[in-house]
Amino acid sequence: MDHETAAQLIEDAAHERTIRHGKHAADLLDEHGHPDEAALIRAEVRAQNGHLSARQAADFLRRPVAPTTRDDPNPRR
């Protein structure tokens, strides 16, 4: 699924004050068929010790992904 579409879904719900927290954003994404994005948000909620608003969740999905050594199967080349 498209991260931008998922982020817009979260922003719309946050604007309408239907959701406020990142956990609720993840639940909303699951309900609307965005399970991969929901998993990313849940992981970020855990990484932030529960401190992630719905708006921050939308921003998180829009951030460019930086490559890490975990992405490289042979990091010591």
PDB file of N, CA and C in Angstrom:
ATOM      1  N   MET A   1       0.839  -1.187   0.000  1.00  0.00           N
ATOM      2  CA  MET A   1       0.000   0.000   0.000  1.00  0.00           C
ATOM      3  C   MET A   1       0.884   1.250   0.000  1.00  0.00           C
ATOM      4  N   ASP A   2       0.282   2.339  -0.325  1.00  0.00           N
ATOM      5  CA  ASP A   2       0.969   3.610  -0.433  1.00  0.00           C
ATOM      6  C   ASP A   2       1.040   4.303   0.934  1.00  0.00           C
ATOM      7  N   HIS A   3       2.252   4.670   1.353  1.00  0.00           N
ATOM      8  CA  HIS A   3       2.414   5.355   2.646  1.00  0.00           C
ATOM      9  C   HIS A   3       1.677   6.689   2.653  1.00  0.00           C
ATOM     10  N   GLU A   4       1.679   7.396   1.526  1.00  0.00           N
ATOM     11  CA  GLU A   4       1.015   8.702   1.466  1.00  0.00           C
ATOM     12  C   GLU A   4      -0.486   8.559   1.695  1.00  0.00           C
ATOM     13  N   THR A   5      -1.095   7.552   1.095  1.00  0.00           N
ATOM     14  CA  THR A   5      -2.532   7.314   1.286  1.00  0.00           C
ATOM     15  C   THR A   5      -2.829   7.017   2.753  1.00  0.00           C
ATOM     16  N   ALA A   6      -1.999   6.187   3.367  1.00  0.00           N
ATOM     17  CA  ALA A   6      -2.179   5.846   4.786  1.00  0.00           C
ATOM     18  C   ALA A   6      -1.990   7.080   5.658  1.00  0.00           C
ATOM     19  N   ALA A   7      -0.978   7.894   5.352  1.00  0.00           N
ATOM     20  CA  ALA A   7      -0.722   9.106   6.129  1.00  0.00           C
ATOM     21  C   ALA A   7      -1.903  10.068   6.012  1.00  0.00           C
ATOM     22  N   GLN A   8      -2.466  10.190   4.822  1.00  0.00           N
ATOM     23  CA  GLN A   8      -3.606  11.083   4.630  1.00  0.00           C
ATOM     24  C   GLN A   8      -4.828  10.592   5.395  1.00  0.00           C
ATOM     25  N   LEU A   9      -5.023   9.287   5.447  1.00  0.00           N
ATOM     26  CA  LEU A   9      -6.122   8.709   6.211  1.00  0.00           C
ATOM     27  C   LEU A   9      -5.985   9.085   7.692  1.00  0.00           C
ATOM     28  N   ILE A  10      -4.771   8.981   8.222  1.00  0.00           N
ATOM     29  CA  ILE A  10      -4.525   9.348   9.621  1.00  0.00           C
ATOM     30  C   ILE A  10      -4.773  10.834   9.833  1.00  0.00           C
ATOM     31  N   GLU A  11      -4.238  11.673   8.937  1.00  0.00           N
ATOM     32  CA  GLU A  11      -4.405  13.120   9.086  1.00  0.00           C
ATOM     33  C   GLU A  11      -5.872  13.524   9.061  1.00  0.00           C
ATOM     34  N   ASP A  12      -6.627  12.925   8.168  1.00  0.00           N
ATOM     35  CA  ASP A  12      -8.055  13.250   8.088  1.00  0.00           C
ATOM     36  C   ASP A  12      -8.768  12.898   9.389  1.00  0.00           C
ATOM     37  N   ALA A  13      -8.471  11.729   9.927  1.00  0.00           N
ATOM     38  CA  ALA A  13      -9.103  11.308  11.180  1.00  0.00           C
ATOM     39  C   ALA A  13      -8.646  12.184  12.344  1.00  0.00           C
ATOM     40  N   ALA A  14      -7.385  12.570  12.348  1.00  0.00           N
ATOM     41  CA  ALA A  14      -6.877  13.438  13.415  1.00  0.00           C
ATOM     42  C   ALA A  14      -7.522  14.817  13.322  1.00  0.00           C
ATOM     43  N   HIS A  15      -7.674  15.311  12.106  1.00  0.00           N
ATOM     44  CA  HIS A  15      -8.310  16.624  11.903  1.00  0.00           C
ATOM     45  C   HIS A  15      -9.754  16.614  12.400  1.00  0.00           C
ATOM     46  N   GLU A  16     -10.445  15.515  12.156  1.00  0.00           N
ATOM     47  CA  GLU A  16     -11.831  15.364  12.613  1.00  0.00           C
ATOM     48  C   GLU A  16     -11.896  14.998  14.094  1.00  0.00           C
ATOM     49  N   ARG A  17     -10.727  14.806  14.705  1.00  0.00           N
ATOM     50  CA  ARG A  17     -10.595  14.422  16.110  1.00  0.00           C
ATOM     51  C   ARG A  17     -11.222  13.056  16.408  1.00  0.00           C
ATOM     52  N   THR A  18     -11.221  12.195  15.397  1.00  0.00           N
ATOM     53  CA  THR A  18     -11.683  10.824  15.579  1.00  0.00           C
ATOM     54  C   THR A  18     -10.625  10.012  16.306  1.00  0.00           C
ATOM     55  N   ILE A  19      -9.350  10.329  16.043  1.00  0.00           N
ATOM     56  CA  ILE A  19      -8.227   9.671  16.712  1.00  0.00           C
ATOM     57  C   ILE A  19      -7.244  10.735  17.173  1.00  0.00           C
ATOM     58  N   ARG A  20      -6.445  10.388  18.188  1.00  0.00           N
ATOM     59  CA  ARG A  20      -5.432  11.318  18.695  1.00  0.00           C
ATOM     60  C   ARG A  20      -4.072  10.657  18.906  1.00  0.00           C
ATOM     61  N   HIS A  21      -4.049   9.361  19.104  1.00  0.00           N
ATOM     62  CA  HIS A  21      -2.822   8.663  19.480  1.00  0.00           C
ATOM     63  C   HIS A  21      -2.330   7.769  18.345  1.00  0.00           C
ATOM     64  N   GLY A  22      -1.030   7.522  18.331  1.00  0.00           N
ATOM     65  CA  GLY A  22      -0.438   6.655  17.324  1.00  0.00           C
ATOM     66  C   GLY A  22      -1.021   5.251  17.323  1.00  0.00           C
ATOM     67  N   LYS A  23      -1.337   4.726  18.504  1.00  0.00           N
ATOM     68  CA  LYS A  23      -1.943   3.390  18.586  1.00  0.00           C
ATOM     69  C   LYS A  23      -3.278   3.369  17.863  1.00  0.00           C
ATOM     70  N   HIS A  24      -4.061   4.419  18.036  1.00  0.00           N
ATOM     71  CA  HIS A  24      -5.350   4.504  17.352  1.00  0.00           C
ATOM     72  C   HIS A  24      -5.156   4.661  15.849  1.00  0.00           C
ATOM     73  N   ALA A  25      -4.103   5.361  15.460  1.00  0.00           N
ATOM     74  CA  ALA A  25      -3.787   5.497  14.037  1.00  0.00           C
ATOM     75  C   ALA A  25      -3.479   4.135  13.430  1.00  0.00           C
ATOM     76  N   ALA A  26      -2.719   3.316  14.144  1.00  0.00           N
ATOM     77  CA  ALA A  26      -2.401   1.970  13.659  1.00  0.00           C
ATOM     78  C   ALA A  26      -3.662   1.123  13.536  1.00  0.00           C
ATOM     79  N   ASP A  27      -4.556   1.219  14.518  1.00  0.00           N
ATOM     80  CA  ASP A  27      -5.816   0.476  14.461  1.00  0.00           C
ATOM     81  C   ASP A  27      -6.642   0.914  13.250  1.00  0.00           C
ATOM     82  N   LEU A  28      -6.686   2.213  12.999  1.00  0.00           N
ATOM     83  CA  LEU A  28      -7.421   2.747  11.856  1.00  0.00           C
ATOM     84  C   LEU A  28      -6.858   2.215  10.545  1.00  0.00           C
ATOM     85  N   LEU A  29      -5.536   2.184  10.446  1.00  0.00           N
ATOM     86  CA  LEU A  29      -4.907   1.679   9.221  1.00  0.00           C
ATOM     87  C   LEU A  29      -5.240   0.208   9.001  1.00  0.00           C
ATOM     88  N   ASP A  30      -5.219  -0.583  10.064  1.00  0.00           N
ATOM     89  CA  ASP A  30      -5.597  -1.998   9.954  1.00  0.00           C
ATOM     90  C   ASP A  30      -7.028  -2.140   9.441  1.00  0.00           C
ATOM     91  N   GLU A  31      -7.929  -1.326   9.989  1.00  0.00           N
ATOM     92  CA  GLU A  31      -9.337  -1.381   9.600  1.00  0.00           C
ATOM     93  C   GLU A  31      -9.540  -1.029   8.127  1.00  0.00           C
ATOM     94  N   HIS A  32      -8.638  -0.218   7.577  1.00  0.00           N
ATOM     95  CA  HIS A  32      -8.784   0.250   6.198  1.00  0.00           C
ATOM     96  C   HIS A  32      -7.821  -0.437   5.227  1.00  0.00           C
ATOM     97  N   GLY A  33      -7.273  -1.574   5.635  1.00  0.00           N
ATOM     98  CA  GLY A  33      -6.473  -2.378   4.713  1.00  0.00           C
ATOM     99  C   GLY A  33      -5.043  -1.917   4.497  1.00  0.00           C
ATOM    100  N   HIS A  34      -4.443  -1.324   5.516  1.00  0.00           N
ATOM    101  CA  HIS A  34      -3.035  -0.902   5.455  1.00  0.00           C
ATOM    102  C   HIS A  34      -2.234  -1.600   6.558  1.00  0.00           C
ATOM    103  N   PRO A  35      -2.150  -2.938   6.539  1.00  0.00           N
ATOM    104  CA  PRO A  35      -1.496  -3.654   7.645  1.00  0.00           C
ATOM    105  C   PRO A  35       0.006  -3.385   7.757  1.00  0.00           C
ATOM    106  N   ASP A  36       0.687  -3.172   6.646  1.00  0.00           N
ATOM    107  CA  ASP A  36       2.132  -2.915   6.709  1.00  0.00           C
ATOM    108  C   ASP A  36       2.414  -1.572   7.376  1.00  0.00           C
ATOM    109  N   GLU A  37       1.654  -0.553   6.998  1.00  0.00           N
ATOM    110  CA  GLU A  37       1.828   0.765   7.601  1.00  0.00           C
ATOM    111  C   GLU A  37       1.427   0.736   9.075  1.00  0.00           C
ATOM    112  N   ALA A  38       0.383  -0.037   9.409  1.00  0.00           N
ATOM    113  CA  ALA A  38      -0.036  -0.174  10.808  1.00  0.00           C
ATOM    114  C   ALA A  38       1.087  -0.782  11.641  1.00  0.00           C
ATOM    115  N   ALA A  39       1.754  -1.785  11.096  1.00  0.00           N
ATOM    116  CA  ALA A  39       2.868  -2.420  11.815  1.00  0.00           C
ATOM    117  C   ALA A  39       4.014  -1.429  12.024  1.00  0.00           C
ATOM    118  N   LEU A  40       4.290  -0.602  11.025  1.00  0.00           N
ATOM    119  CA  LEU A  40       5.339   0.415  11.171  1.00  0.00           C
ATOM    120  C   LEU A  40       4.999   1.389  12.291  1.00  0.00           C
ATOM    121  N   ILE A  41       3.751   1.827  12.335  1.00  0.00           N
ATOM    122  CA  ILE A  41       3.322   2.771  13.370  1.00  0.00           C
ATOM    123  C   ILE A  41       3.392   2.121  14.747  1.00  0.00           C
ATOM    124  N   ARG A  42       2.953   0.881  14.862  1.00  0.00           N
ATOM    125  CA  ARG A  42       3.028   0.192  16.163  1.00  0.00           C
ATOM    126  C   ARG A  42       4.468   0.069  16.649  1.00  0.00           C
ATOM    127  N   ALA A  43       5.374  -0.224  15.735  1.00  0.00           N
ATOM    128  CA  ALA A  43       6.791  -0.321  16.103  1.00  0.00           C
ATOM    129  C   ALA A  43       7.318   1.039  16.558  1.00  0.00           C
ATOM    130  N   GLU A  44       6.892   2.092  15.897  1.00  0.00           N
ATOM    131  CA  GLU A  44       7.351   3.434  16.288  1.00  0.00           C
ATOM    132  C   GLU A  44       6.746   3.851  17.628  1.00  0.00           C
ATOM    133  N   VAL A  45       5.508   3.474  17.880  1.00  0.00           N
ATOM    134  CA  VAL A  45       4.899   3.755  19.193  1.00  0.00           C
ATOM    135  C   VAL A  45       5.731   3.091  20.286  1.00  0.00           C
ATOM    136  N   ARG A  46       6.124   1.825  20.056  1.00  0.00           N
ATOM    137  CA  ARG A  46       6.978   1.129  21.041  1.00  0.00           C
ATOM    138  C   ARG A  46       8.329   1.823  21.179  1.00  0.00           C
ATOM    139  N   ALA A  47       8.910   2.218  20.062  1.00  0.00           N
ATOM    140  CA  ALA A  47      10.229   2.876  20.092  1.00  0.00           C
ATOM    141  C   ALA A  47      10.171   4.208  20.841  1.00  0.00           C
ATOM    142  N   GLN A  48       9.020   4.861  20.795  1.00  0.00           N
ATOM    143  CA  GLN A  48       8.848   6.155  21.467  1.00  0.00           C
ATOM    144  C   GLN A  48       8.221   6.000  22.857  1.00  0.00           C
ATOM    145  N   ASN A  49       8.227   4.778  23.373  1.00  0.00           N
ATOM    146  CA  ASN A  49       7.670   4.487  24.702  1.00  0.00           C
ATOM    147  C   ASN A  49       6.233   4.974  24.850  1.00  0.00           C
ATOM    148  N   GLY A  50       5.462   4.819  23.783  1.00  0.00           N
ATOM    149  CA  GLY A  50       4.049   5.183  23.830  1.00  0.00           C
ATOM    150  C   GLY A  50       3.754   6.630  23.522  1.00  0.00           C
ATOM    151  N   HIS A  51       4.784   7.421  23.292  1.00  0.00           N
ATOM    152  CA  HIS A  51       4.598   8.857  23.067  1.00  0.00           C
ATOM    153  C   HIS A  51       4.610   9.174  21.573  1.00  0.00           C
ATOM    154  N   LEU A  52       3.493   8.951  20.919  1.00  0.00           N
ATOM    155  CA  LEU A  52       3.377   9.238  19.492  1.00  0.00           C
ATOM    156  C   LEU A  52       1.938   9.642  19.211  1.00  0.00           C
ATOM    157  N   SER A  53       1.758  10.876  18.771  1.00  0.00           N
ATOM    158  CA  SER A  53       0.415  11.337  18.434  1.00  0.00           C
ATOM    159  C   SER A  53       0.031  10.839  17.050  1.00  0.00           C
ATOM    160  N   ALA A  54      -1.228  10.965  16.727  1.00  0.00           N
ATOM    161  CA  ALA A  54      -1.693  10.568  15.399  1.00  0.00           C
ATOM    162  C   ALA A  54      -1.011  11.417  14.325  1.00  0.00           C
ATOM    163  N   ARG A  55      -0.863  12.696  14.562  1.00  0.00           N
ATOM    164  CA  ARG A  55      -0.197  13.571  13.577  1.00  0.00           C
ATOM    165  C   ARG A  55       1.276  13.185  13.405  1.00  0.00           C
ATOM    166  N   GLN A  56       1.928  12.839  14.491  1.00  0.00           N
ATOM    167  CA  GLN A  56       3.312  12.377  14.389  1.00  0.00           C
ATOM    168  C   GLN A  56       3.380  11.057  13.624  1.00  0.00           C
ATOM    169  N   ALA A  57       2.380  10.214  13.785  1.00  0.00           N
ATOM    170  CA  ALA A  57       2.336   8.944  13.052  1.00  0.00           C
ATOM    171  C   ALA A  57       2.242   9.204  11.554  1.00  0.00           C
ATOM    172  N   ALA A  58       1.411  10.162  11.165  1.00  0.00           N
ATOM    173  CA  ALA A  58       1.286  10.508   9.744  1.00  0.00           C
ATOM    174  C   ALA A  58       2.612  11.050   9.215  1.00  0.00           C
ATOM    175  N   ASP A  59       3.250  11.920   9.985  1.00  0.00           N
ATOM    176  CA  ASP A  59       4.556  12.459   9.584  1.00  0.00           C
ATOM    177  C   ASP A  59       5.597  11.348   9.472  1.00  0.00           C
ATOM    178  N   PHE A  60       5.552  10.400  10.388  1.00  0.00           N
ATOM    179  CA  PHE A  60       6.486   9.274  10.372  1.00  0.00           C
ATOM    180  C   PHE A  60       6.384   8.492   9.068  1.00  0.00           C
ATOM    181  N   LEU A  61       5.161   8.259   8.605  1.00  0.00           N
ATOM    182  CA  LEU A  61       4.974   7.514   7.359  1.00  0.00           C
ATOM    183  C   LEU A  61       5.493   8.286   6.143  1.00  0.00           C
ATOM    184  N   ARG A  62       5.529   9.593   6.245  1.00  0.00           N
ATOM    185  CA  ARG A  62       5.975  10.423   5.118  1.00  0.00           C
ATOM    186  C   ARG A  62       7.494  10.613   5.078  1.00  0.00           C
ATOM    187  N   ARG A  63       8.187  10.285   6.161  1.00  0.00           N
ATOM    188  CA  ARG A  63       9.644  10.449   6.193  1.00  0.00           C
ATOM    189  C   ARG A  63      10.321   9.519   5.208  1.00  0.00           C
ATOM    190  N   PRO A  64      11.346  10.025   4.528  1.00  0.00           N
ATOM    191  CA  PRO A  64      12.121   9.115   3.668  1.00  0.00           C
ATOM    192  C   PRO A  64      12.854   8.090   4.532  1.00  0.00           C
ATOM    193  N   VAL A  65      12.983   6.902   4.028  1.00  0.00           N
ATOM    194  CA  VAL A  65      13.643   5.816   4.764  1.00  0.00           C
ATOM    195  C   VAL A  65      15.126   5.849   4.454  1.00  0.00           C
ATOM    196  N   ALA A  66      15.925   5.946   5.492  1.00  0.00           N
ATOM    197  CA  ALA A  66      17.379   5.931   5.324  1.00  0.00           C
ATOM    198  C   ALA A  66      17.859   4.487   5.301  1.00  0.00           C
ATOM    199  N   PRO A  67      18.757   4.156   4.397  1.00  0.00           N
ATOM    200  CA  PRO A  67      19.280   2.785   4.379  1.00  0.00           C
ATOM    201  C   PRO A  67      20.083   2.497   5.643  1.00  0.00           C
ATOM    202  N   THR A  68      19.990   1.269   6.103  1.00  0.00           N
ATOM    203  CA  THR A  68      20.752   0.860   7.284  1.00  0.00           C
ATOM    204  C   THR A  68      21.564  -0.372   6.926  1.00  0.00           C
ATOM    205  N   THR A  69      22.444  -0.755   7.813  1.00  0.00           N
ATOM    206  CA  THR A  69      23.235  -1.959   7.565  1.00  0.00           C
ATOM    207  C   THR A  69      22.346  -3.196   7.579  1.00  0.00           C
ATOM    208  N   ARG A  70      21.187  -3.104   8.244  1.00  0.00           N
ATOM    209  CA  ARG A  70      20.261  -4.240   8.239  1.00  0.00           C
ATOM    210  C   ARG A  70      19.703  -4.490   6.841  1.00  0.00           C
ATOM    211  N   ASP A  71      19.694  -3.452   5.995  1.00  0.00           N
ATOM    212  CA  ASP A  71      19.194  -3.607   4.630  1.00  0.00           C
ATOM    213  C   ASP A  71      20.201  -4.300   3.738  1.00  0.00           C
ATOM    214  N   ASP A  72      21.459  -4.312   4.145  1.00  0.00           N
ATOM    215  CA  ASP A  72      22.523  -4.890   3.339  1.00  0.00           C
ATOM    216  C   ASP A  72      22.839  -6.276   3.870  1.00  0.00           C
ATOM    217  N   PRO A  73      22.657  -7.325   3.059  1.00  0.00           N
ATOM    218  CA  PRO A  73      22.929  -8.689   3.548  1.00  0.00           C
ATOM    219  C   PRO A  73      24.418  -8.930   3.804  1.00  0.00           C
ATOM    220  N   ASN A  74      25.317  -8.110   3.235  1.00  0.00           N
ATOM    221  CA  ASN A  74      26.763  -8.245   3.424  1.00  0.00           C
ATOM    222  C   ASN A  74      27.345  -6.913   3.875  1.00  0.00           C
ATOM    223  N   PRO A  75      27.086  -6.488   5.113  1.00  0.00           N
ATOM    224  CA  PRO A  75      27.502  -5.155   5.535  1.00  0.00           C
ATOM    225  C   PRO A  75      29.025  -4.939   5.626  1.00  0.00           C
ATOM    226  N   ARG A  76      29.817  -5.998   5.644  1.00  0.00           N
ATOM    227  CA  ARG A  76      31.272  -5.842   5.805  1.00  0.00           C
ATOM    228  C   ARG A  76      32.028  -5.991   4.499  1.00  0.00           C
ATOM    229  N   ARG A  77      31.493  -5.572   3.427  1.00  0.00           N
ATOM    230  CA  ARG A  77      32.184  -5.691   2.142  1.00  0.00           C
ATOM    231  C   ARG A  77      33.360  -4.783   2.051  1.00  0.00           C
TER     232      ARG A  77
END
